[in-house]
Structure formats: structure tokens, C-alpha cells
Amino acid sequence: MKEEQIQTLHPQPGKVNKRIALKKYNTISENILAILTKKELTHTELMEKLYSNVKDSFEGGVQWYGETVKLDLEARGIIERTNSKPEKYRLTTTKR
């Protein structure tokens, strides 16, 4: 039986993101949200932390799935980028 899929969203209007396995989406999104609950992180810090959290149990490219899911969470207004330099990611105030 084919795995259940989710159509991910993209924060840029007009751009279409990928369809991925719902199970993988849930694993990555839960990890990203747990990581950002603790503090704001740069893109590199977020992806490194995500990789170290799931590398032993996740099948597939952690960075690729991480980027796809991060964009989706941004598009859904769950996480956001700060205006700081360097730019950081955080949970939106409605989710904190």
C-alpha cells in the first residue's frame, strides 16, 4: 500500500513545494518545533541540530526533508524568520 502523502506549502506566493510522505513530514516537523521551542536558531544551526536529532532513525536526506518541512511550517505561519542579521528562525508568537 502506498504511503499517505502531504502536499507541502511554500511561503513565496506562486511557488509550489513538494509532496512527501506524511510520516516523514510529521517526524521532521515535530523535531523542528521541539528544537525551536528552546531558542531561536540560524538556518545552519537549525539544520545541524535537526540532523543530529534524527540521523540515526530517519531514512532519507535529513537536510532536504528539513528544508521542505521548514518552508511548509513558514507558509502555515507556525515558524517565522527574524529580521536580525544573521536571520534566525523561531516559533511564531501564536505558537509559543
N, C-alpha and C. Protein backbone atom coordinates (compact mmCIF):
# COMPACT_ATOMS: atom_id res chain seq x y z
N MET A 1 0.84 -1.19 0.00
CA MET A 1 0.00 0.00 0.00
C MET A 1 0.88 1.26 0.00
N LYS A 2 0.47 2.25 -0.76
CA LYS A 2 1.23 3.49 -0.88
C LYS A 2 1.11 4.31 0.40
N GLU A 3 2.23 4.90 0.79
CA GLU A 3 2.25 5.74 2.00
C GLU A 3 1.40 6.97 1.80
N GLU A 4 0.77 7.42 2.89
CA GLU A 4 -0.02 8.64 2.83
C GLU A 4 0.92 9.83 2.59
N GLN A 5 0.51 10.74 1.71
CA GLN A 5 1.33 11.88 1.33
C GLN A 5 0.71 13.19 1.82
N ILE A 6 1.56 14.21 1.92
CA ILE A 6 1.08 15.56 2.23
C ILE A 6 1.67 16.50 1.20
N GLN A 7 0.84 17.41 0.71
CA GLN A 7 1.33 18.45 -0.20
C GLN A 7 1.84 19.59 0.68
N THR A 8 3.15 19.81 0.67
CA THR A 8 3.70 20.88 1.49
C THR A 8 3.53 22.22 0.78
N LEU A 9 3.51 23.27 1.57
CA LEU A 9 3.31 24.62 1.06
C LEU A 9 4.64 25.35 0.98
N HIS A 10 4.66 26.45 0.24
CA HIS A 10 5.87 27.29 0.11
C HIS A 10 5.49 28.71 0.53
N PRO A 11 6.34 29.38 1.32
CA PRO A 11 6.00 30.73 1.79
C PRO A 11 5.96 31.79 0.70
N GLN A 12 6.61 31.55 -0.44
CA GLN A 12 6.59 32.51 -1.53
C GLN A 12 5.36 32.28 -2.40
N PRO A 13 4.52 33.30 -2.55
CA PRO A 13 3.32 33.13 -3.38
C PRO A 13 3.68 32.67 -4.79
N GLY A 14 2.91 31.72 -5.30
CA GLY A 14 3.14 31.22 -6.63
C GLY A 14 4.09 30.04 -6.72
N LYS A 15 4.88 29.81 -5.67
CA LYS A 15 5.80 28.67 -5.68
C LYS A 15 5.09 27.45 -5.10
N VAL A 16 5.37 26.31 -5.68
CA VAL A 16 4.77 25.06 -5.21
C VAL A 16 5.87 24.22 -4.57
N ASN A 17 5.57 23.68 -3.41
CA ASN A 17 6.53 22.83 -2.72
C ASN A 17 6.22 21.37 -3.04
N LYS A 18 6.94 20.46 -2.45
CA LYS A 18 6.87 19.04 -2.78
C LYS A 18 5.77 18.28 -2.04
N ARG A 19 5.40 17.12 -2.62
CA ARG A 19 4.55 16.13 -1.93
C ARG A 19 5.50 15.14 -1.28
N ILE A 20 5.34 14.93 0.02
CA ILE A 20 6.22 13.99 0.72
C ILE A 20 5.38 13.07 1.60
N ALA A 21 6.00 12.01 2.07
CA ALA A 21 5.33 11.06 2.95
C ALA A 21 4.92 11.75 4.25
N LEU A 22 3.68 11.58 4.64
CA LEU A 22 3.15 12.21 5.85
C LEU A 22 3.94 11.80 7.09
N LYS A 23 4.34 10.53 7.14
CA LYS A 23 5.10 10.03 8.29
C LYS A 23 6.43 10.79 8.43
N LYS A 24 7.11 11.00 7.30
CA LYS A 24 8.38 11.74 7.33
C LYS A 24 8.14 13.20 7.68
N TYR A 25 7.07 13.77 7.12
CA TYR A 25 6.72 15.17 7.43
C TYR A 25 6.52 15.32 8.94
N ASN A 26 5.76 14.42 9.54
CA ASN A 26 5.48 14.50 10.98
C ASN A 26 6.75 14.38 11.81
N THR A 27 7.63 13.46 11.44
CA THR A 27 8.89 13.28 12.17
C THR A 27 9.71 14.57 12.14
N ILE A 28 9.89 15.12 10.95
CA ILE A 28 10.72 16.32 10.80
C ILE A 28 10.06 17.54 11.45
N SER A 29 8.77 17.73 11.25
CA SER A 29 8.11 18.92 11.82
C SER A 29 8.11 18.87 13.35
N GLU A 30 7.88 17.70 13.92
CA GLU A 30 7.91 17.58 15.39
C GLU A 30 9.28 17.94 15.93
N ASN A 31 10.32 17.50 15.23
CA ASN A 31 11.69 17.81 15.66
C ASN A 31 12.01 19.29 15.51
N ILE A 32 11.64 19.89 14.39
CA ILE A 32 11.90 21.32 14.18
C ILE A 32 11.19 22.13 15.27
N LEU A 33 9.94 21.81 15.54
CA LEU A 33 9.18 22.57 16.55
C LEU A 33 9.78 22.38 17.94
N ALA A 34 10.21 21.17 18.26
CA ALA A 34 10.84 20.92 19.57
C ALA A 34 12.14 21.70 19.70
N ILE A 35 12.91 21.75 18.63
CA ILE A 35 14.19 22.48 18.64
C ILE A 35 13.93 23.97 18.83
N LEU A 36 12.96 24.52 18.10
CA LEU A 36 12.70 25.96 18.17
C LEU A 36 11.94 26.37 19.43
N THR A 37 11.44 25.41 20.18
CA THR A 37 10.81 25.72 21.47
C THR A 37 11.86 26.25 22.43
N LYS A 38 13.07 25.77 22.29
CA LYS A 38 14.15 26.14 23.21
C LYS A 38 14.74 27.50 22.91
N LYS A 39 15.05 27.79 21.63
CA LYS A 39 15.61 29.11 21.29
C LYS A 39 15.59 29.35 19.79
N GLU A 40 15.80 30.61 19.41
CA GLU A 40 15.90 30.98 18.00
C GLU A 40 17.23 30.49 17.46
N LEU A 41 17.21 29.99 16.22
CA LEU A 41 18.43 29.47 15.60
C LEU A 41 18.56 29.95 14.17
N THR A 42 19.82 30.07 13.71
CA THR A 42 20.06 30.36 12.31
C THR A 42 19.68 29.12 11.50
N HIS A 43 19.60 29.29 10.19
CA HIS A 43 19.28 28.16 9.31
C HIS A 43 20.27 27.02 9.51
N THR A 44 21.55 27.35 9.52
CA THR A 44 22.59 26.33 9.68
C THR A 44 22.47 25.62 11.02
N GLU A 45 22.29 26.38 12.10
CA GLU A 45 22.14 25.79 13.44
C GLU A 45 20.93 24.87 13.50
N LEU A 46 19.83 25.32 12.91
CA LEU A 46 18.59 24.52 12.92
C LEU A 46 18.80 23.21 12.17
N MET A 47 19.39 23.27 10.99
CA MET A 47 19.60 22.06 10.19
C MET A 47 20.60 21.11 10.85
N GLU A 48 21.64 21.66 11.48
CA GLU A 48 22.62 20.81 12.18
C GLU A 48 21.98 20.10 13.37
N LYS A 49 21.18 20.82 14.13
CA LYS A 49 20.50 20.24 15.30
C LYS A 49 19.50 19.18 14.84
N LEU A 50 18.74 19.50 13.80
CA LEU A 50 17.77 18.54 13.26
C LEU A 50 18.49 17.26 12.83
N TYR A 51 19.59 17.42 12.11
CA TYR A 51 20.35 16.26 11.64
C TYR A 51 20.83 15.41 12.82
N SER A 52 21.39 16.05 13.83
CA SER A 52 21.89 15.28 14.98
C SER A 52 20.76 14.58 15.73
N ASN A 53 19.56 15.16 15.72
CA ASN A 53 18.41 14.55 16.40
C ASN A 53 17.87 13.31 15.69
N VAL A 54 17.86 13.33 14.35
CA VAL A 54 17.15 12.26 13.63
C VAL A 54 18.04 11.36 12.77
N LYS A 55 19.33 11.66 12.65
CA LYS A 55 20.19 10.94 11.71
C LYS A 55 20.20 9.42 11.90
N ASP A 56 20.04 8.95 13.11
CA ASP A 56 20.11 7.51 13.36
C ASP A 56 18.80 6.78 13.09
N SER A 57 17.70 7.51 13.01
CA SER A 57 16.41 6.84 12.85
C SER A 57 15.65 7.26 11.60
N PHE A 58 16.14 8.24 10.86
CA PHE A 58 15.41 8.77 9.70
C PHE A 58 15.98 8.22 8.41
N GLU A 59 15.10 7.75 7.55
CA GLU A 59 15.53 7.24 6.25
C GLU A 59 15.25 8.29 5.19
N GLY A 60 16.31 8.78 4.58
CA GLY A 60 16.17 9.83 3.57
C GLY A 60 17.11 10.98 3.89
N GLY A 61 17.13 11.97 3.02
CA GLY A 61 18.00 13.12 3.21
C GLY A 61 17.45 14.08 4.25
N VAL A 62 18.05 14.09 5.41
CA VAL A 62 17.56 14.93 6.52
C VAL A 62 17.53 16.40 6.12
N GLN A 63 18.59 16.87 5.46
CA GLN A 63 18.65 18.28 5.08
C GLN A 63 17.54 18.62 4.08
N TRP A 64 17.32 17.75 3.10
CA TRP A 64 16.30 18.00 2.08
C TRP A 64 14.91 18.02 2.71
N TYR A 65 14.61 17.01 3.51
CA TYR A 65 13.31 16.98 4.17
C TYR A 65 13.18 18.14 5.16
N GLY A 66 14.28 18.45 5.84
CA GLY A 66 14.27 19.57 6.79
C GLY A 66 13.92 20.87 6.11
N GLU A 67 14.51 21.12 4.97
CA GLU A 67 14.25 22.36 4.21
C GLU A 67 12.81 22.39 3.71
N THR A 68 12.33 21.28 3.17
CA THR A 68 10.97 21.20 2.65
C THR A 68 9.94 21.46 3.75
N VAL A 69 10.13 20.82 4.89
CA VAL A 69 9.19 20.97 6.01
C VAL A 69 9.31 22.37 6.64
N LYS A 70 10.53 22.90 6.72
CA LYS A 70 10.72 24.25 7.28
C LYS A 70 9.95 25.27 6.45
N LEU A 71 10.06 25.16 5.13
CA LEU A 71 9.32 26.08 4.25
C LEU A 71 7.81 25.94 4.45
N ASP A 72 7.35 24.71 4.61
CA ASP A 72 5.93 24.46 4.84
C ASP A 72 5.48 25.09 6.17
N LEU A 73 6.26 24.92 7.21
CA LEU A 73 5.91 25.50 8.52
C LEU A 73 5.89 27.02 8.45
N GLU A 74 6.78 27.59 7.65
CA GLU A 74 6.76 29.05 7.44
C GLU A 74 5.48 29.46 6.71
N ALA A 75 5.15 28.74 5.65
CA ALA A 75 3.96 29.06 4.86
C ALA A 75 2.69 28.95 5.70
N ARG A 76 2.67 28.05 6.65
CA ARG A 76 1.49 27.86 7.51
C ARG A 76 1.48 28.82 8.70
N GLY A 77 2.53 29.65 8.83
CA GLY A 77 2.58 30.63 9.92
C GLY A 77 2.92 30.03 11.28
N ILE A 78 3.54 28.86 11.29
CA ILE A 78 3.89 28.19 12.55
C ILE A 78 5.27 28.63 13.02
N ILE A 79 6.19 28.83 12.05
CA ILE A 79 7.50 29.40 12.37
C ILE A 79 7.70 30.62 11.49
N GLU A 80 8.67 31.46 11.89
CA GLU A 80 8.96 32.67 11.13
C GLU A 80 10.44 32.99 11.19
N ARG A 81 10.86 33.84 10.26
CA ARG A 81 12.24 34.32 10.24
C ARG A 81 12.29 35.65 10.98
N THR A 82 13.37 35.88 11.71
CA THR A 82 13.54 37.15 12.40
C THR A 82 14.13 38.16 11.42
N ASN A 83 14.14 39.43 11.80
CA ASN A 83 14.75 40.47 10.97
C ASN A 83 16.21 40.69 11.34
N SER A 84 16.74 39.87 12.23
CA SER A 84 18.12 40.04 12.70
C SER A 84 19.11 39.61 11.63
N LYS A 85 20.34 40.00 11.80
CA LYS A 85 21.44 39.56 10.95
C LYS A 85 22.39 38.77 11.84
N PRO A 86 22.66 37.52 11.63
CA PRO A 86 22.03 36.70 10.61
C PRO A 86 20.57 36.39 10.97
N GLU A 87 19.82 36.11 9.95
CA GLU A 87 18.41 35.75 10.10
C GLU A 87 18.30 34.48 10.94
N LYS A 88 17.31 34.46 11.83
CA LYS A 88 17.08 33.27 12.66
C LYS A 88 15.64 32.82 12.51
N TYR A 89 15.39 31.59 12.91
CA TYR A 89 14.03 31.03 12.89
C TYR A 89 13.53 30.91 14.30
N ARG A 90 12.23 31.10 14.45
CA ARG A 90 11.58 30.95 15.76
C ARG A 90 10.13 30.55 15.55
N LEU A 91 9.52 30.07 16.63
CA LEU A 91 8.09 29.80 16.58
C LEU A 91 7.38 31.14 16.52
N THR A 92 6.27 31.20 15.80
CA THR A 92 5.52 32.46 15.77
C THR A 92 4.90 32.69 17.15
N THR A 93 4.59 33.92 17.46
CA THR A 93 4.08 34.24 18.80
C THR A 93 2.79 33.52 19.12
N THR A 94 2.00 33.18 18.10
CA THR A 94 0.75 32.46 18.36
C THR A 94 1.02 31.02 18.77
N LYS A 95 2.19 30.49 18.45
CA LYS A 95 2.51 29.10 18.77
C LYS A 95 3.39 28.94 20.01
N ARG A 96 3.93 30.04 20.53
CA ARG A 96 4.85 29.93 21.66
C ARG A 96 4.12 29.73 22.95
